[in-house]
Amino acid sequence: MEDAPMEYGESNKEIEVAPALIAVHPNQESVAVAVGSDLRVFDLQGDCAVSLVDDSSGGSLHKDSIRAIRYGANGKLFVSAGDDKLVKIWSTESWRCISTVCSEKRVSAVAITNDGLYVCFADKFGVVWVVDVDGSDGQAIVNKKAAPMLSHYCSIITSLEFSPEGQFIVSADRDFKIRVTAFPNKPLDGAHEIQSYCLGHTEFVSCLAFACNVEYPQGFLVSGSGDSTVRLWEISSGTLLDTCEVGGKAGLLESNGREEECCSAITDLCTNSDGTLVAVAVQSLQGIILLSCNLSARTLSLAKVVSIGGETFIPTRLVASRSTGLLWMITGVSNLRGYEYTSLARVRVIFGFNKSNHDFIQNERLVLEDDKVPGGSNLLEKLQGSVSFDEKVFVAAAEAVKTAMGNFITVCDTMAERRVRNADRGRIRDHNADCS
């Protein structure tokens, strides 16, 4: 009898680190940061730190690294989840945890329906779960259990997104696949209608976002991958519209005979309010890449490489405030070995991300100084902590994040799981060859 597969890291927690995460309220009323198990929130309207209230766990909040945080589209709900197999749903009016849902496995991604009635989360064994939060209205809801909704067989789900109109839920995994599923009227009964697969990436898919505007309200999907490309998709048919070789265009690839250094993974991306710009974080780039997205022509092209001068800053997460046109970025990790810091985080902000005009692209001074960031020193002290920034520490943090990203998409498989996964990868490669 084969042993049950073990989740990666359960026997190696002492060496596991978690990248810092950031999320912004849709109207930029607050900003949240997660570093390890620490969840920090700053109220921009009140210009003060938020005290989180969690009666469900005796005030201990999360007990292990947080892997996903997200605000709902209307800003009333906030969700945090991670390695402690807990999904916590918060009311942003009181910042009280209104429900704690137990997951069977460690959580890798979360999403909230556009109407705020359901919370979906994915685990590291490839199952997407859904929980009903209808009627909570900021009040505590108890005994909520998640129901399985769909599955990527034994493949870590790396990203979850709802389409702009809420008709589809899109899930990406470490085995190159993007699945588009019709979101059902009764999601607790399961989602059984697969609309399409978006196949074309040759490495794990790391992140998803939608680019949309008034002319194209249904939007187009943008994806980033470990293959160093950003791709544009029409999701109804799964059609690949364009591919942008981001690493090569940004001058990141070096031909030195070492394959591992010739590919810079896309770690995160986000779009602006009218879908004309895509901000891209790359594993080894000290800054971000801006891509122009032409929705009418269905094309992506390199617009600008924005460096964060004066310090080592390799973003681990990007998020745009569409109401203000600010692009929030964070770098940092938890459990950095060999240093005194239990957690390390640095927040930077780029302005004008809601503009697609020539002046914005040509502007050389896009990054706000710390005293110009909304919330100023109060916000930075709360979200970053009181750590003095040491260049060597951030270099070490960047390397730790690179290693952690590789670890995250690794799992101790049984032989049967390996055979299934390799067969899936073979079919995807055959599909890509046929389409080329």
Protein backbone atom coordinates (compact mmCIF):
# COMPACT_ATOMS: atom_id res chain seq x y z
CA MET A 1 0.00 0.00 0.00
CA GLU A 2 1.42 3.37 -1.06
CA ASP A 3 1.90 6.08 1.48
CA ALA A 4 -0.38 9.08 1.17
CA PRO A 5 1.31 11.98 -0.64
CA MET A 6 2.77 14.59 1.69
CA GLU A 7 2.35 18.27 1.07
CA TYR A 8 5.64 19.92 0.35
CA GLY A 9 7.03 21.80 3.30
CA GLU A 10 5.34 19.86 6.07
CA SER A 11 8.68 18.19 6.77
CA ASN A 12 10.70 21.26 5.76
CA LYS A 13 8.94 24.15 7.47
CA GLU A 14 12.12 25.33 9.12
CA ILE A 15 13.55 26.31 5.72
CA GLU A 16 10.35 27.49 4.05
CA VAL A 17 9.82 31.19 3.45
CA ALA A 18 6.72 33.03 2.27
CA PRO A 19 6.76 36.05 -0.09
CA ALA A 20 5.21 39.28 1.17
CA LEU A 21 1.72 40.06 -0.21
CA ILE A 22 -0.20 43.31 -0.63
CA ALA A 23 -3.88 44.11 -1.36
CA VAL A 24 -5.69 47.45 -1.74
CA HIS A 25 -9.35 48.27 -1.12
CA PRO A 26 -11.10 48.98 -4.48
CA ASN A 27 -11.71 52.59 -3.38
CA GLN A 28 -8.31 52.74 -1.65
CA GLU A 29 -9.89 53.06 1.78
CA SER A 30 -7.33 50.68 3.27
CA VAL A 31 -4.21 48.70 2.41
CA ALA A 32 -3.37 45.21 3.69
CA VAL A 33 -0.01 43.44 3.83
CA ALA A 34 0.77 39.84 4.77
CA VAL A 35 4.28 38.73 5.75
CA GLY A 36 4.43 35.16 6.97
CA SER A 37 1.56 34.70 9.43
CA ASP A 38 1.40 38.43 10.17
CA LEU A 39 -1.55 40.33 8.69
CA ARG A 40 -1.23 44.12 8.79
CA VAL A 41 -3.93 46.59 7.72
CA PHE A 42 -3.80 50.38 7.50
CA ASP A 43 -6.95 52.55 7.35
CA LEU A 44 -6.23 55.34 4.85
CA GLN A 45 -9.42 57.23 5.69
CA GLY A 46 -8.68 57.28 9.41
CA ASP A 47 -4.91 57.52 8.88
CA CYS A 48 -4.30 54.80 11.44
CA ALA A 49 -3.42 51.15 11.86
CA VAL A 50 -6.33 48.71 12.05
CA SER A 51 -6.81 46.40 15.02
CA LEU A 52 -8.00 43.05 13.71
CA VAL A 53 -10.53 41.15 15.83
CA ASP A 54 -10.68 37.36 15.51
CA ASP A 55 -12.80 35.71 18.17
CA SER A 56 -12.61 32.36 16.38
CA SER A 57 -8.97 31.69 17.23
CA GLY A 58 -8.38 33.38 20.53
CA GLY A 59 -6.81 36.39 18.88
CA SER A 60 -3.96 34.45 17.29
CA LEU A 61 -5.17 35.14 13.76
CA HIS A 62 -3.22 32.93 11.32
CA LYS A 63 -0.84 30.33 12.73
CA ASP A 64 1.27 29.81 9.61
CA SER A 65 2.30 31.66 6.46
CA ILE A 66 -0.45 33.52 4.61
CA ARG A 67 -0.40 32.68 0.90
CA ALA A 68 -3.35 34.69 -0.43
CA ILE A 69 -5.16 37.92 0.49
CA ARG A 70 -7.91 39.70 -1.42
CA TYR A 71 -10.62 42.36 -1.17
CA GLY A 72 -14.02 41.76 -2.71
CA ALA A 73 -15.12 43.87 -5.69
CA ASN A 74 -17.38 46.05 -3.53
CA GLY A 75 -14.81 46.30 -0.74
CA LYS A 76 -17.06 44.91 1.99
CA LEU A 77 -15.21 41.60 2.39
CA PHE A 78 -11.56 40.70 2.76
CA VAL A 79 -10.18 37.16 2.70
CA SER A 80 -6.88 35.77 3.98
CA ALA A 81 -5.72 32.16 3.74
CA GLY A 82 -2.61 30.05 3.74
CA ASP A 83 -0.52 27.24 5.13
CA ASP A 84 -2.51 26.83 8.36
CA LYS A 85 -5.37 25.51 6.18
CA LEU A 86 -7.65 28.30 7.40
CA VAL A 87 -9.64 30.69 5.24
CA LYS A 88 -10.61 33.79 7.20
CA ILE A 89 -13.37 36.08 5.96
CA TRP A 90 -13.28 39.62 7.34
CA SER A 91 -15.76 42.48 7.35
CA THR A 92 -13.87 45.60 6.25
CA GLU A 93 -16.28 47.84 8.16
CA SER A 94 -15.37 46.42 11.58
CA TRP A 95 -12.27 44.41 10.62
CA ARG A 96 -13.72 41.51 12.55
CA CYS A 97 -13.31 37.96 11.31
CA ILE A 98 -16.89 36.94 10.52
CA SER A 99 -16.07 33.36 9.55
CA THR A 100 -13.17 30.90 9.64
CA VAL A 101 -13.43 28.04 7.17
CA CYS A 102 -11.20 24.98 7.47
CA SER A 103 -9.52 23.66 4.35
CA GLU A 104 -8.43 20.06 3.94
CA LYS A 105 -5.11 21.17 2.42
CA ARG A 106 -2.93 24.25 2.40
CA VAL A 107 -4.53 27.14 0.49
CA SER A 108 -2.82 28.60 -2.57
CA ALA A 109 -5.32 31.13 -4.02
CA VAL A 110 -8.58 32.89 -3.20
CA ALA A 111 -11.29 34.76 -5.12
CA ILE A 112 -14.57 36.46 -4.23
CA THR A 113 -17.56 36.62 -6.55
CA ASN A 114 -18.33 40.08 -7.89
CA ASP A 115 -21.59 40.20 -5.92
CA GLY A 116 -19.81 39.21 -2.71
CA LEU A 117 -22.04 36.19 -2.11
CA TYR A 118 -19.42 33.44 -2.41
CA VAL A 119 -15.77 32.98 -1.47
CA CYS A 120 -13.73 30.50 -3.49
CA PHE A 121 -10.35 29.12 -2.54
CA ALA A 122 -7.94 26.64 -4.08
CA ASP A 123 -5.63 24.18 -2.38
CA LYS A 124 -2.26 22.66 -3.24
CA PHE A 125 -3.89 19.40 -4.37
CA GLY A 126 -5.81 21.14 -7.14
CA VAL A 127 -9.32 21.46 -5.70
CA VAL A 128 -11.33 24.69 -5.80
CA TRP A 129 -13.78 25.06 -2.92
CA VAL A 130 -16.67 27.45 -2.44
CA VAL A 131 -18.38 28.79 0.67
CA ASP A 132 -21.62 30.77 0.84
CA VAL A 133 -21.42 34.11 2.70
CA ASP A 134 -24.81 35.43 1.60
CA GLY A 135 -26.63 37.28 4.36
CA SER A 136 -23.54 37.95 6.48
CA ASP A 137 -23.78 41.75 6.07
CA GLY A 138 -20.71 42.14 8.23
CA GLN A 139 -22.09 39.87 10.96
CA ALA A 140 -20.49 36.69 12.23
CA ILE A 141 -21.45 33.54 10.36
CA VAL A 142 -20.68 30.24 12.04
CA ASN A 143 -20.46 26.60 11.01
CA LYS A 144 -19.85 27.44 7.38
CA LYS A 145 -18.36 24.55 5.46
CA ALA A 146 -16.84 24.73 2.03
CA ALA A 147 -18.06 22.52 -0.80
CA PRO A 148 -15.78 21.21 -3.59
CA MET A 149 -16.61 22.99 -6.84
CA LEU A 150 -14.02 21.88 -9.42
CA SER A 151 -10.63 20.22 -9.61
CA HIS A 152 -7.30 20.21 -11.44
CA TYR A 153 -6.15 16.68 -10.73
CA CYS A 154 -3.23 16.79 -8.24
CA SER A 155 -1.88 20.03 -9.70
CA ILE A 156 -1.24 23.08 -7.54
CA ILE A 157 -3.63 25.89 -8.46
CA THR A 158 -1.62 29.09 -8.56
CA SER A 159 -4.26 31.72 -9.36
CA LEU A 160 -8.04 32.24 -9.35
CA GLU A 161 -9.93 35.05 -11.08
CA PHE A 162 -13.56 35.81 -11.90
CA SER A 163 -14.30 37.27 -15.30
CA PRO A 164 -15.48 40.92 -15.23
CA GLU A 165 -19.14 40.02 -15.67
CA GLY A 166 -18.88 37.10 -13.23
CA GLN A 167 -19.91 34.47 -15.76
CA PHE A 168 -16.70 32.45 -15.52
CA ILE A 169 -14.16 31.45 -12.90
CA VAL A 170 -10.65 31.04 -14.31
CA SER A 171 -8.10 28.80 -12.60
CA ALA A 172 -4.42 28.35 -13.45
CA ASP A 173 -2.04 25.64 -12.34
CA ARG A 174 1.60 24.62 -12.21
CA ASP A 175 1.14 22.21 -15.15
CA PHE A 176 0.83 24.97 -17.77
CA LYS A 177 -2.99 24.91 -17.87
CA ILE A 178 -5.60 27.66 -17.61
CA ARG A 179 -9.14 26.37 -17.18
CA VAL A 180 -12.21 28.52 -17.84
CA THR A 181 -15.31 27.22 -16.03
CA ALA A 182 -18.86 28.52 -16.18
CA PHE A 183 -19.77 29.69 -12.68
CA PRO A 184 -23.07 27.94 -11.87
CA ASN A 185 -26.23 29.36 -10.34
CA LYS A 186 -25.81 26.86 -7.48
CA PRO A 187 -22.03 26.69 -6.96
CA LEU A 188 -22.36 24.57 -3.80
CA ASP A 189 -23.55 21.76 -6.09
CA GLY A 190 -20.36 21.97 -8.15
CA ALA A 191 -19.26 23.61 -11.40
CA HIS A 192 -19.50 21.00 -14.15
CA GLU A 193 -19.43 23.07 -17.36
CA ILE A 194 -15.92 23.71 -18.69
CA GLN A 195 -16.03 26.56 -21.19
CA SER A 196 -12.48 26.23 -22.50
CA TYR A 197 -8.82 25.58 -21.78
CA CYS A 198 -6.22 28.22 -22.57
CA LEU A 199 -3.16 26.18 -23.58
CA GLY A 200 0.13 27.64 -24.73
CA HIS A 201 2.40 28.28 -21.76
CA THR A 202 5.37 25.94 -21.51
CA GLU A 203 5.95 26.34 -17.76
CA PHE A 204 3.79 26.87 -14.69
CA VAL A 205 1.18 29.64 -14.92
CA SER A 206 1.86 32.01 -12.03
CA CYS A 207 -0.72 34.80 -12.31
CA LEU A 208 -3.90 35.94 -14.04
CA ALA A 209 -5.67 39.26 -14.60
CA PHE A 210 -8.39 40.69 -16.86
CA ALA A 211 -7.97 43.67 -19.17
CA CYS A 212 -11.29 45.34 -19.95
CA ASN A 213 -12.90 48.71 -20.71
CA VAL A 214 -16.22 50.21 -21.79
CA GLU A 215 -15.80 48.99 -25.36
CA TYR A 216 -14.85 45.47 -24.22
CA PRO A 217 -16.67 44.95 -20.91
CA GLN A 218 -16.22 41.17 -21.02
CA GLY A 219 -12.48 41.71 -21.15
CA PHE A 220 -9.56 39.58 -22.24
CA LEU A 221 -7.44 37.39 -19.99
CA VAL A 222 -3.78 38.18 -19.36
CA SER A 223 -1.52 35.47 -17.92
CA GLY A 224 2.07 35.29 -16.71
CA SER A 225 4.23 32.19 -16.48
CA GLY A 226 7.50 30.64 -15.52
CA ASP A 227 8.29 30.54 -19.26
CA SER A 228 8.98 34.31 -19.08
CA THR A 229 6.00 35.22 -21.28
CA VAL A 230 2.83 37.23 -20.81
CA ARG A 231 -0.05 36.02 -22.96
CA LEU A 232 -3.38 37.51 -24.03
CA TRP A 233 -6.43 35.22 -24.38
CA GLU A 234 -10.03 35.21 -25.54
CA ILE A 235 -11.50 32.92 -22.91
CA SER A 236 -14.78 31.85 -24.52
CA SER A 237 -12.87 29.79 -27.06
CA GLY A 238 -9.51 29.60 -25.26
CA THR A 239 -7.86 31.35 -28.23
CA LEU A 240 -4.32 32.68 -27.74
CA LEU A 241 -4.33 36.22 -29.16
CA ASP A 242 -0.77 37.37 -28.53
CA THR A 243 2.42 36.45 -26.69
CA CYS A 244 4.97 38.90 -25.32
CA GLU A 245 8.44 37.52 -24.53
CA VAL A 246 8.90 39.75 -21.52
CA GLY A 247 12.27 38.49 -20.29
CA GLY A 248 13.99 38.87 -23.64
CA LYS A 249 12.48 42.28 -24.42
CA ALA A 250 13.57 43.63 -21.04
CA GLY A 251 17.12 42.42 -21.56
CA LEU A 252 16.91 39.89 -18.75
CA LEU A 253 18.06 36.77 -20.55
CA GLU A 254 21.73 35.98 -20.66
CA SER A 255 23.23 33.24 -22.77
CA ASN A 256 25.84 31.79 -20.44
CA GLY A 257 25.17 28.11 -20.90
CA ARG A 258 23.14 27.76 -17.70
CA GLU A 259 19.53 27.03 -18.45
CA GLU A 260 18.24 28.09 -15.05
CA GLU A 261 19.56 31.59 -15.58
CA CYS A 262 18.06 31.94 -19.06
CA CYS A 263 14.46 32.14 -17.92
CA SER A 264 13.02 34.76 -15.62
CA ALA A 265 9.64 33.74 -14.26
CA ILE A 266 6.74 36.17 -14.18
CA THR A 267 5.79 36.43 -10.51
CA ASP A 268 2.78 38.76 -10.72
CA LEU A 269 0.89 41.12 -13.00
CA CYS A 270 -2.05 43.50 -12.91
CA THR A 271 -3.91 45.77 -15.34
CA ASN A 272 -5.02 49.39 -15.17
CA SER A 273 -8.59 50.71 -15.20
CA ASP A 274 -9.06 50.86 -18.97
CA GLY A 275 -7.08 47.74 -19.82
CA THR A 276 -4.42 49.62 -21.79
CA LEU A 277 -1.48 48.86 -19.49
CA VAL A 278 -0.19 45.68 -17.83
CA ALA A 279 2.33 45.94 -14.99
CA VAL A 280 4.56 42.87 -14.76
CA ALA A 281 6.86 41.70 -11.96
CA VAL A 282 9.73 39.43 -13.01
CA GLN A 283 11.66 37.15 -10.71
CA SER A 284 15.04 38.84 -11.17
CA LEU A 285 14.10 42.39 -12.19
CA GLN A 286 14.64 45.28 -9.77
CA GLY A 287 11.49 47.09 -10.83
CA ILE A 288 8.56 46.33 -13.11
CA ILE A 289 7.79 46.08 -16.80
CA LEU A 290 4.92 48.03 -18.35
CA LEU A 291 3.21 46.47 -21.36
CA SER A 292 0.86 48.28 -23.71
CA CYS A 293 -2.33 46.28 -24.25
CA ASN A 294 -4.32 47.14 -27.38
CA LEU A 295 -7.68 45.45 -26.87
CA SER A 296 -9.04 46.34 -30.32
CA ALA A 297 -5.94 44.92 -32.04
CA ARG A 298 -5.59 42.11 -29.46
CA THR A 299 -1.88 42.77 -28.98
CA LEU A 300 0.68 43.17 -26.21
CA SER A 301 3.91 45.15 -26.58
CA LEU A 302 6.70 46.42 -24.36
CA ALA A 303 6.11 50.02 -23.26
CA LYS A 304 8.64 50.70 -20.52
CA VAL A 305 10.91 49.13 -17.92
CA VAL A 306 10.55 51.01 -14.64
CA SER A 307 13.47 50.58 -12.26
CA ILE A 308 13.15 51.27 -8.54
CA GLY A 309 16.30 53.28 -7.95
CA GLY A 310 18.34 53.56 -4.81
CA GLU A 311 17.73 50.10 -3.37
CA THR A 312 17.24 46.44 -4.20
CA PHE A 313 13.53 46.10 -4.88
CA ILE A 314 12.28 42.99 -6.66
CA PRO A 315 8.47 43.00 -6.25
CA THR A 316 6.76 39.91 -4.87
CA ARG A 317 3.24 41.25 -5.48
CA LEU A 318 1.58 44.07 -7.47
CA VAL A 319 -1.90 45.53 -7.04
CA ALA A 320 -3.55 48.53 -8.71
CA SER A 321 -5.97 50.98 -7.15
CA ARG A 322 -8.20 51.71 -10.11
CA SER A 323 -9.94 54.58 -8.35
CA THR A 324 -6.71 56.54 -7.85
CA GLY A 325 -4.40 55.21 -10.55
CA LEU A 326 -1.77 54.12 -8.03
CA LEU A 327 0.18 50.90 -8.46
CA TRP A 328 1.17 49.42 -5.09
CA MET A 329 4.16 47.07 -4.90
CA ILE A 330 5.77 45.07 -2.14
CA THR A 331 8.94 43.07 -1.71
CA GLY A 332 9.84 40.92 1.25
CA VAL A 333 9.73 37.51 2.89
CA SER A 334 9.12 35.79 6.18
CA ASN A 335 11.47 33.34 7.92
CA LEU A 336 14.61 34.66 6.26
CA ARG A 337 17.37 32.39 7.54
CA GLY A 338 20.65 33.79 8.81
CA TYR A 339 19.23 37.18 9.75
CA GLU A 340 17.67 38.60 12.88
CA TYR A 341 14.49 39.67 11.12
CA THR A 342 11.43 37.45 11.49
CA SER A 343 9.83 39.27 8.58
CA LEU A 344 10.96 41.79 6.02
CA ALA A 345 8.79 44.03 3.85
CA ARG A 346 9.17 47.16 1.75
CA VAL A 347 6.28 49.02 0.08
CA ARG A 348 6.65 51.28 -2.95
CA VAL A 349 4.03 53.10 -5.07
CA ILE A 350 3.89 54.21 -8.72
CA PHE A 351 1.45 56.98 -9.70
CA GLY A 352 -0.47 57.55 -12.92
CA PHE A 353 -1.19 53.89 -13.66
CA ASN A 354 -4.71 54.79 -14.80
CA LYS A 355 -3.27 56.75 -17.74
CA SER A 356 -2.19 55.27 -21.03
CA ASN A 357 -1.03 58.47 -22.68
CA HIS A 358 2.43 59.14 -24.08
CA ASP A 359 3.36 61.49 -21.23
CA PHE A 360 2.93 58.73 -18.64
CA ILE A 361 5.03 56.24 -20.58
CA GLN A 362 7.77 58.83 -21.11
CA ASN A 363 7.75 60.05 -17.50
CA GLU A 364 11.04 59.10 -15.86
CA ARG A 365 9.88 59.79 -12.30
CA LEU A 366 6.97 57.48 -11.71
CA VAL A 367 7.91 56.10 -8.29
CA LEU A 368 6.64 58.10 -5.32
CA GLU A 369 9.02 59.07 -2.55
CA ASP A 370 8.07 57.67 0.84
CA ASP A 371 6.68 60.98 2.10
CA LYS A 372 4.36 61.16 -0.94
CA VAL A 373 2.84 57.71 -0.45
CA PRO A 374 -0.76 57.86 0.84
CA GLY A 375 -0.63 57.47 4.60
CA GLY A 376 3.04 58.51 4.61
CA SER A 377 5.30 57.37 7.43
CA ASN A 378 2.37 56.09 9.51
CA LEU A 379 1.36 53.65 6.79
CA LEU A 380 4.91 52.53 6.04
CA GLU A 381 5.72 51.96 9.70
CA LYS A 382 2.62 49.80 10.10
CA LEU A 383 2.96 47.80 6.88
CA GLN A 384 6.75 47.47 6.75
CA GLY A 385 7.53 47.31 10.43
CA SER A 386 10.37 49.25 12.02
CA VAL A 387 13.19 47.41 10.26
CA SER A 388 16.02 49.58 8.94
CA PHE A 389 16.66 48.67 5.32
CA ASP A 390 19.91 46.86 4.66
CA GLU A 391 20.88 46.29 1.03
CA LYS A 392 22.40 42.87 1.77
CA VAL A 393 19.23 41.73 3.50
CA PHE A 394 17.05 42.60 0.52
CA VAL A 395 19.42 40.82 -1.85
CA ALA A 396 19.19 37.74 0.37
CA ALA A 397 15.39 38.14 0.51
CA ALA A 398 15.19 38.22 -3.30
CA GLU A 399 17.15 34.97 -3.53
CA ALA A 400 14.97 33.40 -0.82
CA VAL A 401 11.82 34.34 -2.75
CA LYS A 402 13.26 32.80 -5.92
CA THR A 403 13.90 29.55 -4.06
CA ALA A 404 10.51 29.67 -2.33
CA MET A 405 8.70 30.07 -5.64
CA GLY A 406 10.38 26.91 -6.91
CA ASN A 407 9.45 25.09 -3.73
CA PHE A 408 5.86 26.26 -3.92
CA ILE A 409 5.25 24.53 -7.23
CA THR A 410 6.90 21.32 -6.06
CA VAL A 411 5.02 18.57 -4.29
CA CYS A 412 6.05 15.07 -3.21
CA ASP A 413 4.04 13.02 -5.69
CA THR A 414 3.20 9.36 -5.69
CA MET A 415 4.31 7.49 -8.80
CA ALA A 416 0.72 7.40 -10.05
CA GLU A 417 0.40 11.17 -9.75
CA ARG A 418 3.66 11.68 -11.61
CA ARG A 419 2.44 9.49 -14.48
CA VAL A 420 -0.83 11.44 -14.76
CA ARG A 421 0.98 14.78 -14.60
CA ASN A 422 3.57 13.80 -17.20
CA ALA A 423 0.80 12.56 -19.49
CA ASP A 424 -1.04 15.90 -19.10
CA ARG A 425 2.14 17.81 -19.91
CA GLY A 426 2.71 15.63 -22.98
CA ARG A 427 -0.80 16.35 -24.26
CA ILE A 428 -0.29 20.10 -23.76
CA ARG A 429 3.02 20.03 -25.62
CA ASP A 430 1.40 18.07 -28.48
CA HIS A 431 -1.41 20.62 -28.58
CA ASN A 432 1.05 23.49 -28.74
CA ALA A 433 3.02 21.78 -31.52
CA ASP A 434 -0.15 21.24 -33.56
CA CYS A 435 -1.11 24.91 -33.18
CA SER A 436 2.32 26.26 -34.14
